[in-house]
C-alpha atoms as a PDB file:
ATOM      1  CA  MET A   1      -0.111  -0.248   0.117  1.00  0.00           C
ATOM      2  CA  ALA A   2       0.986   3.220  -1.156  1.00  0.00           C
ATOM      3  CA  GLY A   3       2.584   5.882   1.560  1.00  0.00           C
ATOM      4  CA  PRO A   4       1.539   9.461   2.143  1.00  0.00           C
ATOM      5  CA  LEU A   5       4.928  10.407   0.695  1.00  0.00           C
ATOM      6  CA  ASP A   6       4.084   8.178  -2.307  1.00  0.00           C
ATOM      7  CA  ARG A   7       1.299   9.739  -2.963  1.00  0.00           C
ATOM      8  CA  VAL A   8       2.844  13.263  -2.949  1.00  0.00           C
ATOM      9  CA  ARG A   9       5.335  11.785  -5.063  1.00  0.00           C
ATOM     10  CA  GLU A  10       2.837  10.579  -7.671  1.00  0.00           C
ATOM     11  CA  GLU A  11       0.496  13.358  -7.932  1.00  0.00           C
ATOM     12  CA  PRO A  12       2.491  16.734  -6.529  1.00  0.00           C
ATOM     13  CA  THR A  13      -0.138  19.444  -7.927  1.00  0.00           C
ATOM     14  CA  GLY A  14      -2.884  17.915  -5.934  1.00  0.00           C
ATOM     15  CA  ALA A  15      -0.329  17.585  -3.118  1.00  0.00           C
ATOM     16  CA  THR A  16       0.442  21.378  -3.500  1.00  0.00           C
ATOM     17  CA  ALA A  17      -2.870  22.369  -4.115  1.00  0.00           C
ATOM     18  CA  LEU A  18      -4.084  20.673  -0.608  1.00  0.00           C
ATOM     19  CA  LEU A  19      -1.515  22.280   1.325  1.00  0.00           C
ATOM     20  CA  LEU A  20      -2.253  25.348   0.215  1.00  0.00           C
ATOM     21  CA  LEU A  21      -5.684  24.882   0.922  1.00  0.00           C
ATOM     22  CA  ALA A  22      -4.567  23.686   4.569  1.00  0.00           C
ATOM     23  CA  LEU A  23      -2.367  26.753   4.720  1.00  0.00           C
ATOM     24  CA  GLY A  24      -5.233  29.129   3.719  1.00  0.00           C
ATOM     25  CA  LEU A  25      -8.074  28.061   5.848  1.00  0.00           C
ATOM     26  CA  THR A  26      -5.442  28.090   8.655  1.00  0.00           C
ATOM     27  CA  ALA A  27      -4.853  31.726   8.206  1.00  0.00           C
ATOM     28  CA  LEU A  28      -8.455  32.445   8.216  1.00  0.00           C
ATOM     29  CA  PHE A  29      -8.978  30.651  11.210  1.00  0.00           C
ATOM     30  CA  LEU A  30      -5.852  32.568  12.958  1.00  0.00           C
ATOM     31  CA  GLY A  31      -7.521  35.733  12.233  1.00  0.00           C
ATOM     32  CA  VAL A  32      -4.449  36.714   9.473  1.00  0.00           C
ATOM     33  CA  ASP A  33      -6.158  39.892   7.869  1.00  0.00           C
ATOM     34  CA  ASN A  34      -4.760  39.138   4.280  1.00  0.00           C
ATOM     35  CA  PHE A  35      -5.480  35.805   4.179  1.00  0.00           C
ATOM     36  CA  TRP A  36      -6.532  35.687   0.822  1.00  0.00           C
ATOM     37  CA  ILE A  37      -3.174  36.229  -0.791  1.00  0.00           C
ATOM     38  CA  ILE A  38      -2.422  32.774   0.007  1.00  0.00           C
ATOM     39  CA  PHE A  39      -5.123  31.336  -2.236  1.00  0.00           C
ATOM     40  CA  ALA A  40      -4.499  34.134  -4.756  1.00  0.00           C
ATOM     41  CA  VAL A  41      -0.688  33.380  -5.025  1.00  0.00           C
ATOM     42  CA  GLY A  42      -1.093  29.635  -4.500  1.00  0.00           C
ATOM     43  CA  TYR A  43      -3.566  28.786  -6.855  1.00  0.00           C
ATOM     44  CA  GLY A  44      -2.367  31.358  -9.444  1.00  0.00           C
ATOM     45  CA  ALA A  45       0.930  31.030  -9.615  1.00  0.00           C
ATOM     46  CA  VAL A  46       2.252  28.026  -7.619  1.00  0.00           C
ATOM     47  CA  VAL A  47      -0.147  25.470  -8.477  1.00  0.00           C
ATOM     48  CA  PRO A  48       0.451  26.004 -12.199  1.00  0.00           C
ATOM     49  CA  LEU A  49       3.778  26.356 -11.809  1.00  0.00           C
ATOM     50  CA  VAL A  50       4.340  22.791  -9.914  1.00  0.00           C
ATOM     51  CA  SER A  51       1.965  20.983 -12.519  1.00  0.00           C
ATOM     52  CA  PHE A  52       4.408  22.463 -15.436  1.00  0.00           C
ATOM     53  CA  LEU A  53       7.444  21.526 -13.778  1.00  0.00           C
ATOM     54  CA  THR A  54       6.779  18.350 -12.669  1.00  0.00           C
ATOM     55  CA  GLY A  55       4.564  17.646 -15.938  1.00  0.00           C
ATOM     56  CA  ASP A  56       2.236  16.078 -13.645  1.00  0.00           C
ATOM     57  CA  ASP A  57      -0.975  17.221 -16.326  1.00  0.00           C
ATOM     58  CA  GLU A  58       0.840  14.400 -19.115  1.00  0.00           C
ATOM     59  CA  GLY A  59      -2.530  12.448 -18.178  1.00  0.00           C
ATOM     60  CA  ALA A  60      -4.824  15.026 -19.399  1.00  0.00           C
ATOM     61  CA  GLU A  61      -6.402  14.532 -23.035  1.00  0.00           C
ATOM     62  CA  PRO A  62      -5.558  16.959 -25.291  1.00  0.00           C
ATOM     63  CA  ARG A  63      -8.457  19.856 -26.215  1.00  0.00           C
ATOM     64  CA  GLU A  64      -8.506  19.315 -29.866  1.00  0.00           C
ATOM     65  CA  GLU A  65      -9.000  15.234 -29.679  1.00  0.00           C
ATOM     66  CA  ALA A  66     -11.964  16.394 -26.989  1.00  0.00           C
ATOM     67  CA  THR A  67     -13.445  18.672 -29.113  1.00  0.00           C
ATOM     68  CA  ASP A  68     -13.129  16.000 -32.311  1.00  0.00           C
ATOM     69  CA  GLU A  69     -14.806  13.141 -29.584  1.00  0.00           C
ATOM     70  CA  VAL A  70     -17.590  15.462 -28.847  1.00  0.00           C
ATOM     71  CA  ARG A  71     -18.265  16.619 -32.217  1.00  0.00           C
ATOM     72  CA  GLN A  72     -18.455  12.643 -33.411  1.00  0.00           C
ATOM     73  CA  ARG A  73     -20.746  11.951 -30.898  1.00  0.00           C
ATOM     74  CA  HIS A  74     -23.347  15.113 -31.854  1.00  0.00           C
ATOM     75  CA  ALA A  75     -23.170  13.902 -35.546  1.00  0.00           C
ATOM     76  CA  ASP A  76     -23.966  10.114 -34.393  1.00  0.00           C
ATOM     77  CA  GLY A  77     -26.392  11.851 -32.515  1.00  0.00           C
ATOM     78  CA  ASP A  78     -28.191  13.930 -35.332  1.00  0.00           C
ATOM     79  CA  ALA A  79     -27.971  10.558 -37.577  1.00  0.00           C
ATOM     80  CA  ALA A  80     -30.083   9.008 -34.898  1.00  0.00           C
ATOM     81  CA  THR A  81     -32.372  11.556 -34.642  1.00  0.00           C
ATOM     82  CA  ASP A  82     -32.878  12.105 -38.479  1.00  0.00           C
ATOM     83  CA  GLU A  83     -33.172   8.129 -38.754  1.00  0.00           C
ATOM     84  CA  ALA A  84     -36.052   7.870 -35.771  1.00  0.00           C
ATOM     85  CA  LEU A  85     -37.705  11.379 -37.493  1.00  0.00           C
ATOM     86  CA  GLU A  86     -37.704   9.646 -40.737  1.00  0.00           C
ATOM     87  CA  ARG A  87     -39.209   6.693 -39.207  1.00  0.00           C
ATOM     88  CA  LEU A  88     -42.006   8.809 -37.277  1.00  0.00           C
ATOM     89  CA  ARG A  89     -42.828  10.760 -40.422  1.00  0.00           C
ATOM     90  CA  ARG A  90     -43.436   6.975 -41.994  1.00  0.00           C
ATOM     91  CA  ARG A  91     -45.717   6.020 -39.561  1.00  0.00           C
ATOM     92  CA  TYR A  92     -47.928   9.053 -39.796  1.00  0.00           C
ATOM     93  CA  ALA A  93     -48.239   9.247 -43.785  1.00  0.00           C
ATOM     94  CA  GLU A  94     -49.311   5.352 -43.572  1.00  0.00           C
ATOM     95  CA  GLY A  95     -51.834   6.565 -40.964  1.00  0.00           C
ATOM     96  CA  GLU A  96     -50.519   4.248 -38.565  1.00  0.00           C
ATOM     97  CA  LEU A  97     -50.184   7.502 -35.986  1.00  0.00           C
ATOM     98  CA  THR A  98     -52.737  10.264 -35.139  1.00  0.00           C
ATOM     99  CA  ASP A  99     -51.816  13.992 -35.518  1.00  0.00           C
ATOM    100  CA  GLU A 100     -51.587  14.202 -31.704  1.00  0.00           C
ATOM    101  CA  GLN A 101     -49.449  11.105 -31.181  1.00  0.00           C
ATOM    102  CA  PHE A 102     -47.196  12.351 -34.125  1.00  0.00           C
ATOM    103  CA  GLU A 103     -46.898  15.822 -33.009  1.00  0.00           C
ATOM    104  CA  ARG A 104     -46.345  14.367 -29.378  1.00  0.00           C
ATOM    105  CA  LYS A 105     -43.384  11.710 -30.334  1.00  0.00           C
ATOM    106  CA  VAL A 106     -41.514  14.834 -32.671  1.00  0.00           C
ATOM    107  CA  GLU A 107     -41.637  17.040 -29.815  1.00  0.00           C
ATOM    108  CA  ARG A 108     -40.059  14.380 -27.452  1.00  0.00           C
ATOM    109  CA  LEU A 109     -37.661  13.157 -30.189  1.00  0.00           C
ATOM    110  CA  LEU A 110     -36.510  16.727 -30.715  1.00  0.00           C
ATOM    111  CA  GLU A 111     -36.368  17.452 -26.840  1.00  0.00           C
ATOM    112  CA  THR A 112     -34.004  14.347 -26.134  1.00  0.00           C
ATOM    113  CA  GLU A 113     -30.241  15.187 -26.508  1.00  0.00           C
ATOM    114  CA  THR A 114     -28.893  11.571 -26.941  1.00  0.00           C
ATOM    115  CA  VAL A 115     -30.232   8.372 -28.290  1.00  0.00           C
ATOM    116  CA  GLU A 116     -29.193   6.823 -24.251  1.00  0.00           C
ATOM    117  CA  ASP A 117     -31.572   9.309 -23.030  1.00  0.00           C
ATOM    118  CA  ALA A 118     -34.405   8.076 -25.485  1.00  0.00           C
ATOM    119  CA  GLU A 119     -33.441   4.289 -24.079  1.00  0.00           C
ATOM    120  CA  ASP A 120     -33.302   5.511 -20.335  1.00  0.00           C
ATOM    121  CA  ARG A 121     -36.248   7.127 -21.002  1.00  0.00           C
ATOM    122  CA  LEU A 122     -37.958   3.942 -22.626  1.00  0.00           C
ATOM    123  CA  ARG A 123     -36.810   1.660 -20.002  1.00  0.00           C
ATOM    124  CA  GLU A 124     -38.183   3.471 -17.177  1.00  0.00           C
ATOM    125  CA  ARG A 125     -41.469   3.249 -18.953  1.00  0.00           C
ATOM    126  CA  THR A 126     -41.352  -0.550 -18.881  1.00  0.00           C
END
């Protein structure tokens, strides 16, 4: 089992942030007038500096890749929504759905954010 010092070595940025929090709150409770300076300098300069110097942000996903993933998810969701909307239109045209049923289903479909949300809603009803 990893000891406290091992955890500090593994995550120096988190340890620094925790230390700054403890130091700032201690200063606050002791009545130090400018306790907020600890937070401002600590979280504005010290934590980013520790993160940069130790390379502690290596596990972070690059922003561009994350954006591409979000775009792909939205494109997949749009395709599924278009397909479902087309099925509803076909059923309405064939007379399987009344005006009210069609409108209610289209409204529900368009307010649904993802296919997973729609599936969850179906599971809840059954």
